[in-house]
Amino acid sequence: MAAQVPPDEQSLRADLASARFLSGQDRGRWRLHRLDWPFVFIGVFAGSGLEFVLRLDCQGFPTAPPTGTFWDPGAGVRLPDARWPRSGERMSMAFRPDWKGGMALYVPCDRESLVGHDAWPAQYPQLIWNPAKGISHYLEVVHDLLQGFEHERAAA
């Protein structure tokens, strides 16, 4: 007898096959590495062409936002602090290896980071998790942060 796939995993699998996700992949913004439920591993590309892999915990998807960190897929561990992308104020504020032990990005669409930030929905309505946009919403936020001039200059 085959194991029953939980509803949140079914939702994520459908989202990974959606036009929104596939369009971002086709445009070179991100690429799916693998799904190892409840984690999905997705590489997001910076303007410089560097790929940063996210490990996103998708339990409760899409009702609950994912929470994620930068990941070293070769070593199978969180990306070491020194290899996190950072330069400029926006990137340094969002990509903080000191926040939650580096296991969550400090962005309003992250499940762990939203807790305790009651003002964020009013301050950053476009960045708050939107289940209708799915996993692509989280990826778009990270991708946009990685595109900044400051990162390009730092990577050169």
C-alpha atoms as a PDB file:
ATOM      1  CA  MET A   1       0.000   0.000   0.000  1.00  0.00           C
ATOM      2  CA  ALA A   2       1.415   3.372  -1.043  1.00  0.00           C
ATOM      3  CA  ALA A   3       2.001   5.991   1.613  1.00  0.00           C
ATOM      4  CA  GLN A   4      -0.499   8.839   1.654  1.00  0.00           C
ATOM      5  CA  VAL A   5       0.992  12.182   0.507  1.00  0.00           C
ATOM      6  CA  PRO A   6       0.051  14.874   3.034  1.00  0.00           C
ATOM      7  CA  PRO A   7      -2.058  17.798   1.752  1.00  0.00           C
ATOM      8  CA  ASP A   8       0.701  20.381   2.322  1.00  0.00           C
ATOM      9  CA  GLU A   9       3.136  18.323   0.248  1.00  0.00           C
ATOM     10  CA  GLN A  10       0.501  17.898  -2.473  1.00  0.00           C
ATOM     11  CA  SER A  11       0.025  21.683  -2.501  1.00  0.00           C
ATOM     12  CA  LEU A  12       3.749  22.305  -2.783  1.00  0.00           C
ATOM     13  CA  ARG A  13       4.134  19.771  -5.604  1.00  0.00           C
ATOM     14  CA  ALA A  14       1.303  21.472  -7.510  1.00  0.00           C
ATOM     15  CA  ASP A  15       2.894  24.863  -6.888  1.00  0.00           C
ATOM     16  CA  LEU A  16       6.270  23.663  -8.221  1.00  0.00           C
ATOM     17  CA  ALA A  17       4.458  22.693 -11.443  1.00  0.00           C
ATOM     18  CA  SER A  18       2.606  26.035 -11.704  1.00  0.00           C
ATOM     19  CA  ALA A  19       3.115  28.543 -14.492  1.00  0.00           C
ATOM     20  CA  ARG A  20       4.363  31.139 -11.997  1.00  0.00           C
ATOM     21  CA  PHE A  21       7.131  28.882 -10.660  1.00  0.00           C
ATOM     22  CA  LEU A  22       8.094  27.506 -14.074  1.00  0.00           C
ATOM     23  CA  SER A  23       8.182  30.998 -15.577  1.00  0.00           C
ATOM     24  CA  GLY A  24      10.682  32.151 -12.947  1.00  0.00           C
ATOM     25  CA  GLN A  25      12.746  29.051 -13.651  1.00  0.00           C
ATOM     26  CA  ASP A  26      12.584  29.638 -17.429  1.00  0.00           C
ATOM     27  CA  ARG A  27      13.719  33.246 -16.945  1.00  0.00           C
ATOM     28  CA  GLY A  28      16.772  32.075 -15.006  1.00  0.00           C
ATOM     29  CA  ARG A  29      15.678  33.473 -11.656  1.00  0.00           C
ATOM     30  CA  TRP A  30      15.715  30.151  -9.824  1.00  0.00           C
ATOM     31  CA  ARG A  31      15.864  26.402 -10.311  1.00  0.00           C
ATOM     32  CA  LEU A  32      14.536  23.455  -8.400  1.00  0.00           C
ATOM     33  CA  HIS A  33      17.255  21.192  -7.024  1.00  0.00           C
ATOM     34  CA  ARG A  34      15.102  18.665  -5.185  1.00  0.00           C
ATOM     35  CA  LEU A  35      12.159  18.079  -2.928  1.00  0.00           C
ATOM     36  CA  ASP A  36      12.825  16.066   0.216  1.00  0.00           C
ATOM     37  CA  TRP A  37       9.623  16.663   2.147  1.00  0.00           C
ATOM     38  CA  PRO A  38       9.148  18.852   4.154  1.00  0.00           C
ATOM     39  CA  PHE A  39      12.157  20.593   2.611  1.00  0.00           C
ATOM     40  CA  VAL A  40      12.528  21.920  -0.911  1.00  0.00           C
ATOM     41  CA  PHE A  41      15.938  23.002  -2.203  1.00  0.00           C
ATOM     42  CA  ILE A  42      15.852  25.818  -4.756  1.00  0.00           C
ATOM     43  CA  GLY A  43      18.756  27.779  -6.194  1.00  0.00           C
ATOM     44  CA  VAL A  44      18.144  31.523  -6.613  1.00  0.00           C
ATOM     45  CA  PHE A  45      20.404  33.448  -8.984  1.00  0.00           C
ATOM     46  CA  ALA A  46      22.026  36.786  -8.201  1.00  0.00           C
ATOM     47  CA  GLY A  47      22.581  39.406 -10.877  1.00  0.00           C
ATOM     48  CA  SER A  48      26.203  38.295 -11.051  1.00  0.00           C
ATOM     49  CA  GLY A  49      25.109  34.769 -11.983  1.00  0.00           C
ATOM     50  CA  LEU A  50      26.026  33.282  -8.602  1.00  0.00           C
ATOM     51  CA  GLU A  51      23.522  30.736  -7.356  1.00  0.00           C
ATOM     52  CA  PHE A  52      22.464  30.681  -3.723  1.00  0.00           C
ATOM     53  CA  VAL A  53      20.573  27.542  -2.701  1.00  0.00           C
ATOM     54  CA  LEU A  54      17.721  27.903  -0.254  1.00  0.00           C
ATOM     55  CA  ARG A  55      16.479  25.085   1.934  1.00  0.00           C
ATOM     56  CA  LEU A  56      12.848  25.909   2.609  1.00  0.00           C
ATOM     57  CA  ASP A  57      10.794  24.105   5.243  1.00  0.00           C
ATOM     58  CA  CYS A  58       7.302  23.965   3.738  1.00  0.00           C
ATOM     59  CA  GLN A  59       5.297  22.292   6.508  1.00  0.00           C
ATOM     60  CA  GLY A  60       1.743  23.631   6.401  1.00  0.00           C
ATOM     61  CA  PHE A  61       2.135  24.992   2.852  1.00  0.00           C
ATOM     62  CA  PRO A  62       0.533  27.148   1.515  1.00  0.00           C
ATOM     63  CA  THR A  63      -1.432  28.323   4.566  1.00  0.00           C
ATOM     64  CA  ALA A  64       1.751  28.597   6.612  1.00  0.00           C
ATOM     65  CA  PRO A  65       4.627  30.465   4.977  1.00  0.00           C
ATOM     66  CA  PRO A  66       7.864  28.591   4.373  1.00  0.00           C
ATOM     67  CA  THR A  67      10.933  29.301   6.450  1.00  0.00           C
ATOM     68  CA  GLY A  68      14.374  28.951   5.013  1.00  0.00           C
ATOM     69  CA  THR A  69      18.081  29.442   5.014  1.00  0.00           C
ATOM     70  CA  PHE A  70      20.965  29.450   2.582  1.00  0.00           C
ATOM     71  CA  TRP A  71      22.259  25.922   2.111  1.00  0.00           C
ATOM     72  CA  ASP A  72      25.422  24.192   0.963  1.00  0.00           C
ATOM     73  CA  PRO A  73      24.023  21.253  -1.035  1.00  0.00           C
ATOM     74  CA  GLY A  74      27.425  19.587  -1.404  1.00  0.00           C
ATOM     75  CA  ALA A  75      28.063  19.473   2.328  1.00  0.00           C
ATOM     76  CA  GLY A  76      24.385  19.095   3.299  1.00  0.00           C
ATOM     77  CA  VAL A  77      24.598  21.888   5.892  1.00  0.00           C
ATOM     78  CA  ARG A  78      23.596  25.512   6.335  1.00  0.00           C
ATOM     79  CA  LEU A  79      25.834  27.756   4.245  1.00  0.00           C
ATOM     80  CA  PRO A  80      28.704  29.040   6.412  1.00  0.00           C
ATOM     81  CA  ASP A  81      28.236  32.646   7.569  1.00  0.00           C
ATOM     82  CA  ALA A  82      31.172  33.924   5.496  1.00  0.00           C
ATOM     83  CA  ARG A  83      29.523  32.661   2.278  1.00  0.00           C
ATOM     84  CA  TRP A  84      26.146  34.338   2.824  1.00  0.00           C
ATOM     85  CA  PRO A  85      25.386  37.086   0.326  1.00  0.00           C
ATOM     86  CA  ARG A  86      25.637  40.500   1.922  1.00  0.00           C
ATOM     87  CA  SER A  87      26.550  43.968   0.927  1.00  0.00           C
ATOM     88  CA  GLY A  88      24.565  47.110   1.316  1.00  0.00           C
ATOM     89  CA  GLU A  89      21.941  47.834   3.913  1.00  0.00           C
ATOM     90  CA  ARG A  90      18.943  45.938   2.462  1.00  0.00           C
ATOM     91  CA  MET A  91      20.843  42.724   1.886  1.00  0.00           C
ATOM     92  CA  SER A  92      22.622  42.883   5.236  1.00  0.00           C
ATOM     93  CA  MET A  93      19.301  43.376   7.031  1.00  0.00           C
ATOM     94  CA  ALA A  94      17.562  40.490   5.263  1.00  0.00           C
ATOM     95  CA  PHE A  95      20.378  37.943   5.115  1.00  0.00           C
ATOM     96  CA  ARG A  96      21.493  37.710   8.739  1.00  0.00           C
ATOM     97  CA  PRO A  97      23.213  34.496   9.783  1.00  0.00           C
ATOM     98  CA  ASP A  98      22.901  35.738  13.382  1.00  0.00           C
ATOM     99  CA  TRP A  99      19.054  35.755  13.198  1.00  0.00           C
ATOM    100  CA  LYS A 100      17.481  32.557  14.581  1.00  0.00           C
ATOM    101  CA  GLY A 101      20.861  30.816  14.340  1.00  0.00           C
ATOM    102  CA  GLY A 102      20.844  31.402  10.593  1.00  0.00           C
ATOM    103  CA  MET A 103      17.914  29.023  10.095  1.00  0.00           C
ATOM    104  CA  ALA A 104      15.495  31.716   8.852  1.00  0.00           C
ATOM    105  CA  LEU A 105      15.909  34.686   6.548  1.00  0.00           C
ATOM    106  CA  TYR A 106      14.906  38.016   8.067  1.00  0.00           C
ATOM    107  CA  VAL A 107      12.227  38.795   5.482  1.00  0.00           C
ATOM    108  CA  PRO A 108       8.483  39.427   6.013  1.00  0.00           C
ATOM    109  CA  CYS A 109       7.433  36.373   3.975  1.00  0.00           C
ATOM    110  CA  ASP A 110       9.376  33.956   6.221  1.00  0.00           C
ATOM    111  CA  ARG A 111       7.319  32.019   8.794  1.00  0.00           C
ATOM    112  CA  GLU A 112       9.868  32.406  11.610  1.00  0.00           C
ATOM    113  CA  SER A 113      10.713  36.046  10.942  1.00  0.00           C
ATOM    114  CA  LEU A 114       7.123  37.234  10.796  1.00  0.00           C
ATOM    115  CA  VAL A 115       6.562  36.179  14.419  1.00  0.00           C
ATOM    116  CA  GLY A 116       6.822  39.170  16.731  1.00  0.00           C
ATOM    117  CA  HIS A 117       6.874  41.718  13.917  1.00  0.00           C
ATOM    118  CA  ASP A 118       3.269  42.909  14.191  1.00  0.00           C
ATOM    119  CA  ALA A 119       3.991  46.140  12.285  1.00  0.00           C
ATOM    120  CA  TRP A 120       5.364  44.360   9.195  1.00  0.00           C
ATOM    121  CA  PRO A 121       1.997  43.762   7.472  1.00  0.00           C
ATOM    122  CA  ALA A 122       1.355  47.526   7.454  1.00  0.00           C
ATOM    123  CA  GLN A 123       4.994  48.456   6.711  1.00  0.00           C
ATOM    124  CA  TYR A 124       5.664  45.856   3.998  1.00  0.00           C
ATOM    125  CA  PRO A 125       2.321  44.630   2.624  1.00  0.00           C
ATOM    126  CA  GLN A 126       3.882  43.527  -0.665  1.00  0.00           C
ATOM    127  CA  LEU A 127       6.405  41.323   1.177  1.00  0.00           C
ATOM    128  CA  ILE A 128       3.999  39.551   3.554  1.00  0.00           C
ATOM    129  CA  TRP A 129       3.361  35.907   2.681  1.00  0.00           C
ATOM    130  CA  ASN A 130       0.585  35.513   0.144  1.00  0.00           C
ATOM    131  CA  PRO A 131      -0.555  31.877  -0.236  1.00  0.00           C
ATOM    132  CA  ALA A 132      -2.085  32.662  -3.643  1.00  0.00           C
ATOM    133  CA  LYS A 133       1.393  33.527  -4.991  1.00  0.00           C
ATOM    134  CA  GLY A 134       2.886  30.344  -3.552  1.00  0.00           C
ATOM    135  CA  ILE A 135       6.558  29.503  -3.216  1.00  0.00           C
ATOM    136  CA  SER A 136       7.400  31.907  -6.032  1.00  0.00           C
ATOM    137  CA  HIS A 137       6.524  34.805  -3.730  1.00  0.00           C
ATOM    138  CA  TYR A 138       9.316  33.857  -1.294  1.00  0.00           C
ATOM    139  CA  LEU A 139      11.707  33.258  -4.199  1.00  0.00           C
ATOM    140  CA  GLU A 140      10.867  36.609  -5.807  1.00  0.00           C
ATOM    141  CA  VAL A 141      11.657  38.444  -2.564  1.00  0.00           C
ATOM    142  CA  VAL A 142      15.047  36.721  -2.286  1.00  0.00           C
ATOM    143  CA  HIS A 143      15.777  37.120  -6.007  1.00  0.00           C
ATOM    144  CA  ASP A 144      15.015  40.847  -5.875  1.00  0.00           C
ATOM    145  CA  LEU A 145      17.358  41.297  -2.918  1.00  0.00           C
ATOM    146  CA  LEU A 146      20.131  39.469  -4.772  1.00  0.00           C
ATOM    147  CA  GLN A 147      19.854  41.746  -7.818  1.00  0.00           C
ATOM    148  CA  GLY A 148      21.077  44.957  -6.178  1.00  0.00           C
ATOM    149  CA  PHE A 149      23.998  47.002  -7.438  1.00  0.00           C
ATOM    150  CA  GLU A 150      25.714  46.544  -4.106  1.00  0.00           C
ATOM    151  CA  HIS A 151      25.845  42.772  -4.587  1.00  0.00           C
ATOM    152  CA  GLU A 152      27.174  43.143  -8.130  1.00  0.00           C
ATOM    153  CA  ARG A 153      29.964  45.386  -6.868  1.00  0.00           C
ATOM    154  CA  ALA A 154      30.767  43.019  -3.984  1.00  0.00           C
ATOM    155  CA  ALA A 155      30.907  39.981  -6.282  1.00  0.00           C
ATOM    156  CA  ALA A 156      33.259  41.637  -8.768  1.00  0.00           C
END
